[in-house]
Amino acid sequence: MTKSGKLRKASETPSFRQWFNDSTERQVADYALTDWMAAARSSIRQPLSVSLPFREAGYFAATEARAVGYAIKLRDGQRLSVTAETNGSDGAPLTIFLDLYRQTGDTANPLDLVASTDTAARLVHEARRDGVYVLRVQPELLRSGDYNVTASTEPSLAFPVSGRDGRAVKSFFGADRDAGARRHLHSEPHLA
């Protein structure tokens, strides 16, 4: 009965078992999240040094909170391209979080987040200064699946003539220039 004297329906009052299940689920989720965050921090503190191009295949188990960190040297102007392909153990794609940090050399703030993605399986970043960058790869919480990560550099400058490709600047020696206004000819050295 309630204070007003009305009877409470059984469906309105959670049973002890339901309360215990809900409480236990919250505690398990809290522990899992704590472990997941700890794995995230650990992976960027002690990353594996890799050279580009780089490819790794692996497996993330739902029973273990895990993340992987890779230290990559980039030069100013280089564009890093990272792709992650996944296949969850249930056949559905596994969400992968890709985070890129630049090592700062500052002991108070040793890493600066420069790029991140969680919805696309591709991260692209153009380095603005030479340095070591740390890539973190981490799956969504409590999901299992295979992953393939590929990292490489790609050109950071597009073709300099808008709307054209390399054929627009090709020519042959001796061909007319500027619709015939100029001509480049091979000349023989004058012999005295």
C-alpha atoms as a PDB file:
ATOM      1  CA  MET A   1       0.000   0.000   0.000  1.00  0.00           C
ATOM      2  CA  THR A   2       1.034   3.588  -0.598  1.00  0.00           C
ATOM      3  CA  LYS A   3       0.752   6.405   1.953  1.00  0.00           C
ATOM      4  CA  SER A   4      -2.566   7.404   0.412  1.00  0.00           C
ATOM      5  CA  GLY A   5      -3.949   3.953   1.179  1.00  0.00           C
ATOM      6  CA  LYS A   6      -4.132   2.792  -2.437  1.00  0.00           C
ATOM      7  CA  LEU A   7      -2.788  -0.582  -3.442  1.00  0.00           C
ATOM      8  CA  ARG A   8       0.263  -0.498  -5.684  1.00  0.00           C
ATOM      9  CA  LYS A   9       0.322  -2.792  -8.697  1.00  0.00           C
ATOM     10  CA  ALA A  10       3.085  -5.364  -8.806  1.00  0.00           C
ATOM     11  CA  SER A  11       4.238  -3.999 -12.184  1.00  0.00           C
ATOM     12  CA  GLU A  12       4.861  -0.569 -10.585  1.00  0.00           C
ATOM     13  CA  THR A  13       7.219  -1.863  -7.933  1.00  0.00           C
ATOM     14  CA  PRO A  14      10.441  -3.483  -9.070  1.00  0.00           C
ATOM     15  CA  SER A  15      11.137  -6.791  -7.435  1.00  0.00           C
ATOM     16  CA  PHE A  16      14.305  -7.254  -5.445  1.00  0.00           C
ATOM     17  CA  ARG A  17      15.580  -9.456  -8.273  1.00  0.00           C
ATOM     18  CA  GLN A  18      14.917  -6.719 -10.869  1.00  0.00           C
ATOM     19  CA  TRP A  19      16.552  -4.102  -8.633  1.00  0.00           C
ATOM     20  CA  PHE A  20      19.573  -6.389  -8.127  1.00  0.00           C
ATOM     21  CA  ASN A  21      19.869  -7.107 -11.885  1.00  0.00           C
ATOM     22  CA  ASP A  22      19.648  -3.404 -12.757  1.00  0.00           C
ATOM     23  CA  SER A  23      22.175  -2.498 -10.069  1.00  0.00           C
ATOM     24  CA  THR A  24      24.570  -5.244 -11.163  1.00  0.00           C
ATOM     25  CA  GLU A  25      24.296  -4.216 -14.827  1.00  0.00           C
ATOM     26  CA  ARG A  26      25.147  -0.621 -13.886  1.00  0.00           C
ATOM     27  CA  GLN A  27      28.144  -1.768 -11.845  1.00  0.00           C
ATOM     28  CA  VAL A  28      29.408  -4.034 -14.639  1.00  0.00           C
ATOM     29  CA  ALA A  29      28.980  -1.215 -17.149  1.00  0.00           C
ATOM     30  CA  ASP A  30      30.838   1.179 -14.810  1.00  0.00           C
ATOM     31  CA  TYR A  31      33.732  -1.297 -14.402  1.00  0.00           C
ATOM     32  CA  ALA A  32      33.838  -1.986 -18.145  1.00  0.00           C
ATOM     33  CA  LEU A  33      33.872   1.736 -18.937  1.00  0.00           C
ATOM     34  CA  THR A  34      36.625   2.338 -16.371  1.00  0.00           C
ATOM     35  CA  ASP A  35      38.747  -0.437 -17.931  1.00  0.00           C
ATOM     36  CA  TRP A  36      38.018   0.869 -21.443  1.00  0.00           C
ATOM     37  CA  MET A  37      39.188   4.376 -20.494  1.00  0.00           C
ATOM     38  CA  ALA A  38      42.312   2.970 -18.796  1.00  0.00           C
ATOM     39  CA  ALA A  39      43.149   0.991 -21.964  1.00  0.00           C
ATOM     40  CA  ALA A  40      42.721   4.184 -24.021  1.00  0.00           C
ATOM     41  CA  ARG A  41      45.175   6.094 -21.802  1.00  0.00           C
ATOM     42  CA  SER A  42      47.700   3.251 -21.684  1.00  0.00           C
ATOM     43  CA  SER A  43      47.791   2.816 -25.474  1.00  0.00           C
ATOM     44  CA  ILE A  44      48.963   6.381 -26.104  1.00  0.00           C
ATOM     45  CA  ARG A  45      51.461   6.443 -23.234  1.00  0.00           C
ATOM     46  CA  GLN A  46      53.433   3.496 -24.629  1.00  0.00           C
ATOM     47  CA  PRO A  47      52.719   3.281 -28.373  1.00  0.00           C
ATOM     48  CA  LEU A  48      54.449   0.897 -30.766  1.00  0.00           C
ATOM     49  CA  SER A  49      56.797   2.675 -33.209  1.00  0.00           C
ATOM     50  CA  VAL A  50      55.906   1.929 -36.819  1.00  0.00           C
ATOM     51  CA  SER A  51      57.107   3.074 -40.232  1.00  0.00           C
ATOM     52  CA  LEU A  52      54.758   4.036 -43.036  1.00  0.00           C
ATOM     53  CA  PRO A  53      53.183   2.488 -44.978  1.00  0.00           C
ATOM     54  CA  PHE A  54      51.822   0.265 -42.223  1.00  0.00           C
ATOM     55  CA  ARG A  55      49.172  -2.448 -42.025  1.00  0.00           C
ATOM     56  CA  GLU A  56      48.015  -4.563 -39.110  1.00  0.00           C
ATOM     57  CA  ALA A  57      45.250  -7.104 -38.663  1.00  0.00           C
ATOM     58  CA  GLY A  58      43.953  -8.115 -35.260  1.00  0.00           C
ATOM     59  CA  TYR A  59      41.049  -9.083 -33.077  1.00  0.00           C
ATOM     60  CA  PHE A  60      39.338  -7.185 -30.268  1.00  0.00           C
ATOM     61  CA  ALA A  61      37.525  -9.346 -27.703  1.00  0.00           C
ATOM     62  CA  ALA A  62      34.477  -8.018 -25.848  1.00  0.00           C
ATOM     63  CA  THR A  63      35.789  -9.599 -22.649  1.00  0.00           C
ATOM     64  CA  GLU A  64      38.916  -7.432 -22.647  1.00  0.00           C
ATOM     65  CA  ALA A  65      39.089  -3.630 -22.735  1.00  0.00           C
ATOM     66  CA  ARG A  66      41.824  -2.920 -25.245  1.00  0.00           C
ATOM     67  CA  ALA A  67      43.256  -0.173 -27.424  1.00  0.00           C
ATOM     68  CA  VAL A  68      46.387  -0.024 -29.574  1.00  0.00           C
ATOM     69  CA  GLY A  69      48.700   2.939 -30.043  1.00  0.00           C
ATOM     70  CA  TYR A  70      51.157   3.516 -32.890  1.00  0.00           C
ATOM     71  CA  ALA A  71      53.914   6.155 -32.938  1.00  0.00           C
ATOM     72  CA  ILE A  72      54.380   7.584 -36.443  1.00  0.00           C
ATOM     73  CA  LYS A  73      56.932  10.166 -37.606  1.00  0.00           C
ATOM     74  CA  LEU A  74      55.464  12.815 -39.909  1.00  0.00           C
ATOM     75  CA  ARG A  75      57.019  15.814 -41.583  1.00  0.00           C
ATOM     76  CA  ASP A  76      55.408  19.193 -42.065  1.00  0.00           C
ATOM     77  CA  GLY A  77      53.028  18.998 -45.044  1.00  0.00           C
ATOM     78  CA  GLN A  78      52.721  15.194 -45.109  1.00  0.00           C
ATOM     79  CA  ARG A  79      49.147  13.927 -45.188  1.00  0.00           C
ATOM     80  CA  LEU A  80      48.458  10.847 -43.100  1.00  0.00           C
ATOM     81  CA  SER A  81      45.642   8.587 -44.282  1.00  0.00           C
ATOM     82  CA  VAL A  82      44.361   5.877 -41.946  1.00  0.00           C
ATOM     83  CA  THR A  83      41.626   3.375 -42.750  1.00  0.00           C
ATOM     84  CA  ALA A  84      40.084   0.786 -40.467  1.00  0.00           C
ATOM     85  CA  GLU A  85      38.068  -2.130 -41.786  1.00  0.00           C
ATOM     86  CA  THR A  86      36.097  -4.126 -39.238  1.00  0.00           C
ATOM     87  CA  ASN A  87      33.880  -7.141 -38.961  1.00  0.00           C
ATOM     88  CA  GLY A  88      32.056  -7.711 -35.691  1.00  0.00           C
ATOM     89  CA  SER A  89      31.701 -11.260 -34.388  1.00  0.00           C
ATOM     90  CA  ASP A  90      27.951 -10.946 -35.027  1.00  0.00           C
ATOM     91  CA  GLY A  91      28.607 -10.045 -38.700  1.00  0.00           C
ATOM     92  CA  ALA A  92      27.765  -6.364 -38.222  1.00  0.00           C
ATOM     93  CA  PRO A  93      30.504  -3.736 -38.602  1.00  0.00           C
ATOM     94  CA  LEU A  94      32.381  -2.925 -35.417  1.00  0.00           C
ATOM     95  CA  THR A  95      32.712   0.776 -34.565  1.00  0.00           C
ATOM     96  CA  ILE A  96      36.359   1.781 -34.303  1.00  0.00           C
ATOM     97  CA  PHE A  97      37.551   5.022 -32.729  1.00  0.00           C
ATOM     98  CA  LEU A  98      40.604   6.557 -34.428  1.00  0.00           C
ATOM     99  CA  ASP A  99      42.393   9.341 -32.552  1.00  0.00           C
ATOM    100  CA  LEU A 100      45.587  11.095 -33.648  1.00  0.00           C
ATOM    101  CA  TYR A 101      47.779  12.990 -31.187  1.00  0.00           C
ATOM    102  CA  ARG A 102      50.936  15.033 -31.717  1.00  0.00           C
ATOM    103  CA  GLN A 103      53.660  14.598 -29.114  1.00  0.00           C
ATOM    104  CA  THR A 104      54.360  18.079 -27.735  1.00  0.00           C
ATOM    105  CA  GLY A 105      57.490  17.549 -25.641  1.00  0.00           C
ATOM    106  CA  ASP A 106      55.700  19.341 -22.785  1.00  0.00           C
ATOM    107  CA  THR A 107      55.702  17.190 -19.637  1.00  0.00           C
ATOM    108  CA  ALA A 108      52.522  18.847 -18.336  1.00  0.00           C
ATOM    109  CA  ASN A 109      50.625  18.202 -21.586  1.00  0.00           C
ATOM    110  CA  PRO A 110      52.616  15.599 -23.586  1.00  0.00           C
ATOM    111  CA  LEU A 111      49.958  14.932 -26.237  1.00  0.00           C
ATOM    112  CA  ASP A 112      47.759  17.248 -28.285  1.00  0.00           C
ATOM    113  CA  LEU A 113      44.692  15.766 -30.028  1.00  0.00           C
ATOM    114  CA  VAL A 114      44.856  16.837 -33.701  1.00  0.00           C
ATOM    115  CA  ALA A 115      42.282  14.560 -35.398  1.00  0.00           C
ATOM    116  CA  SER A 116      39.603  12.081 -34.422  1.00  0.00           C
ATOM    117  CA  THR A 117      36.830  10.033 -35.989  1.00  0.00           C
ATOM    118  CA  ASP A 118      34.329   7.496 -34.748  1.00  0.00           C
ATOM    119  CA  THR A 119      31.716   7.321 -37.461  1.00  0.00           C
ATOM    120  CA  ALA A 120      33.882   7.042 -40.562  1.00  0.00           C
ATOM    121  CA  ALA A 121      36.445   4.309 -40.870  1.00  0.00           C
ATOM    122  CA  ARG A 122      38.923   6.821 -42.344  1.00  0.00           C
ATOM    123  CA  LEU A 123      41.022   9.514 -40.742  1.00  0.00           C
ATOM    124  CA  VAL A 124      43.051  12.008 -42.802  1.00  0.00           C
ATOM    125  CA  HIS A 125      45.349  14.614 -41.284  1.00  0.00           C
ATOM    126  CA  GLU A 126      47.919  16.966 -42.803  1.00  0.00           C
ATOM    127  CA  ALA A 127      50.840  17.518 -40.418  1.00  0.00           C
ATOM    128  CA  ARG A 128      51.509  21.188 -39.695  1.00  0.00           C
ATOM    129  CA  ARG A 129      54.934  20.494 -38.187  1.00  0.00           C
ATOM    130  CA  ASP A 130      57.556  17.770 -38.042  1.00  0.00           C
ATOM    131  CA  GLY A 131      57.144  15.399 -35.142  1.00  0.00           C
ATOM    132  CA  VAL A 132      55.998  12.132 -33.711  1.00  0.00           C
ATOM    133  CA  TYR A 133      52.266  11.506 -33.883  1.00  0.00           C
ATOM    134  CA  VAL A 134      50.429   8.818 -31.936  1.00  0.00           C
ATOM    135  CA  LEU A 135      47.511   6.998 -33.522  1.00  0.00           C
ATOM    136  CA  ARG A 136      45.089   5.277 -31.138  1.00  0.00           C
ATOM    137  CA  VAL A 137      42.771   2.527 -32.415  1.00  0.00           C
ATOM    138  CA  GLN A 138      40.025   1.374 -30.037  1.00  0.00           C
ATOM    139  CA  PRO A 139      36.803  -0.579 -30.565  1.00  0.00           C
ATOM    140  CA  GLU A 140      33.440   0.266 -29.120  1.00  0.00           C
ATOM    141  CA  LEU A 141      32.816  -1.039 -25.627  1.00  0.00           C
ATOM    142  CA  LEU A 142      31.789  -4.689 -25.094  1.00  0.00           C
ATOM    143  CA  ARG A 143      31.919  -5.761 -28.775  1.00  0.00           C
ATOM    144  CA  SER A 144      34.131  -8.368 -30.404  1.00  0.00           C
ATOM    145  CA  GLY A 145      35.485  -8.388 -33.932  1.00  0.00           C
ATOM    146  CA  ASP A 146      38.325  -8.443 -36.425  1.00  0.00           C
ATOM    147  CA  TYR A 147      40.036  -5.304 -37.636  1.00  0.00           C
ATOM    148  CA  ASN A 148      42.497  -4.236 -40.339  1.00  0.00           C
ATOM    149  CA  VAL A 149      44.245  -0.895 -39.956  1.00  0.00           C
ATOM    150  CA  THR A 150      46.200   0.665 -42.819  1.00  0.00           C
ATOM    151  CA  ALA A 151      48.208   3.875 -42.481  1.00  0.00           C
ATOM    152  CA  SER A 152      50.129   5.640 -45.235  1.00  0.00           C
ATOM    153  CA  THR A 153      51.036   9.085 -46.468  1.00  0.00           C
ATOM    154  CA  GLU A 154      49.538  10.648 -49.557  1.00  0.00           C
ATOM    155  CA  PRO A 155      50.280  13.862 -51.466  1.00  0.00           C
ATOM    156  CA  SER A 156      49.129  16.964 -49.655  1.00  0.00           C
ATOM    157  CA  LEU A 157      49.121  19.242 -52.698  1.00  0.00           C
ATOM    158  CA  ALA A 158      46.495  18.883 -55.392  1.00  0.00           C
ATOM    159  CA  PHE A 159      47.309  19.372 -59.066  1.00  0.00           C
ATOM    160  CA  PRO A 160      48.107  23.085 -59.469  1.00  0.00           C
ATOM    161  CA  VAL A 161      45.770  23.732 -62.411  1.00  0.00           C
ATOM    162  CA  SER A 162      42.125  23.650 -61.344  1.00  0.00           C
ATOM    163  CA  GLY A 163      39.967  21.248 -63.344  1.00  0.00           C
ATOM    164  CA  ARG A 164      42.945  19.753 -65.231  1.00  0.00           C
ATOM    165  CA  ASP A 165      45.262  16.785 -64.879  1.00  0.00           C
ATOM    166  CA  GLY A 166      48.857  16.031 -65.891  1.00  0.00           C
ATOM    167  CA  ARG A 167      48.006  16.036 -69.609  1.00  0.00           C
ATOM    168  CA  ALA A 168      47.354  19.799 -69.361  1.00  0.00           C
ATOM    169  CA  VAL A 169      51.043  20.519 -68.774  1.00  0.00           C
ATOM    170  CA  LYS A 170      52.650  17.924 -71.048  1.00  0.00           C
ATOM    171  CA  SER A 171      54.293  19.030 -74.247  1.00  0.00           C
ATOM    172  CA  PHE A 172      56.956  17.903 -76.614  1.00  0.00           C
ATOM    173  CA  PHE A 173      60.242  19.598 -77.280  1.00  0.00           C
ATOM    174  CA  GLY A 174      59.871  22.074 -80.111  1.00  0.00           C
ATOM    175  CA  ALA A 175      56.087  22.304 -79.858  1.00  0.00           C
ATOM    176  CA  ASP A 176      54.407  25.680 -80.260  1.00  0.00           C
ATOM    177  CA  ARG A 177      53.500  27.512 -77.055  1.00  0.00           C
ATOM    178  CA  ASP A 178      50.671  30.010 -76.464  1.00  0.00           C
ATOM    179  CA  ALA A 179      48.834  29.057 -79.665  1.00  0.00           C
ATOM    180  CA  GLY A 180      51.962  29.556 -81.787  1.00  0.00           C
ATOM    181  CA  ALA A 181      53.061  32.867 -80.244  1.00  0.00           C
ATOM    182  CA  ARG A 182      56.174  31.176 -78.789  1.00  0.00           C
ATOM    183  CA  ARG A 183      58.289  28.345 -80.066  1.00  0.00           C
ATOM    184  CA  HIS A 184      60.998  26.399 -78.278  1.00  0.00           C
ATOM    185  CA  LEU A 185      63.515  25.123 -80.724  1.00  0.00           C
ATOM    186  CA  HIS A 186      66.717  23.241 -80.271  1.00  0.00           C
ATOM    187  CA  SER A 187      69.586  25.389 -81.433  1.00  0.00           C
ATOM    188  CA  GLU A 188      73.052  24.223 -82.345  1.00  0.00           C
ATOM    189  CA  PRO A 189      75.930  25.952 -80.640  1.00  0.00           C
ATOM    190  CA  HIS A 190      77.717  28.365 -82.908  1.00  0.00           C
ATOM    191  CA  LEU A 191      81.060  27.135 -84.004  1.00  0.00           C
ATOM    192  CA  ALA A 192      83.725  29.692 -84.500  1.00  0.00           C
END
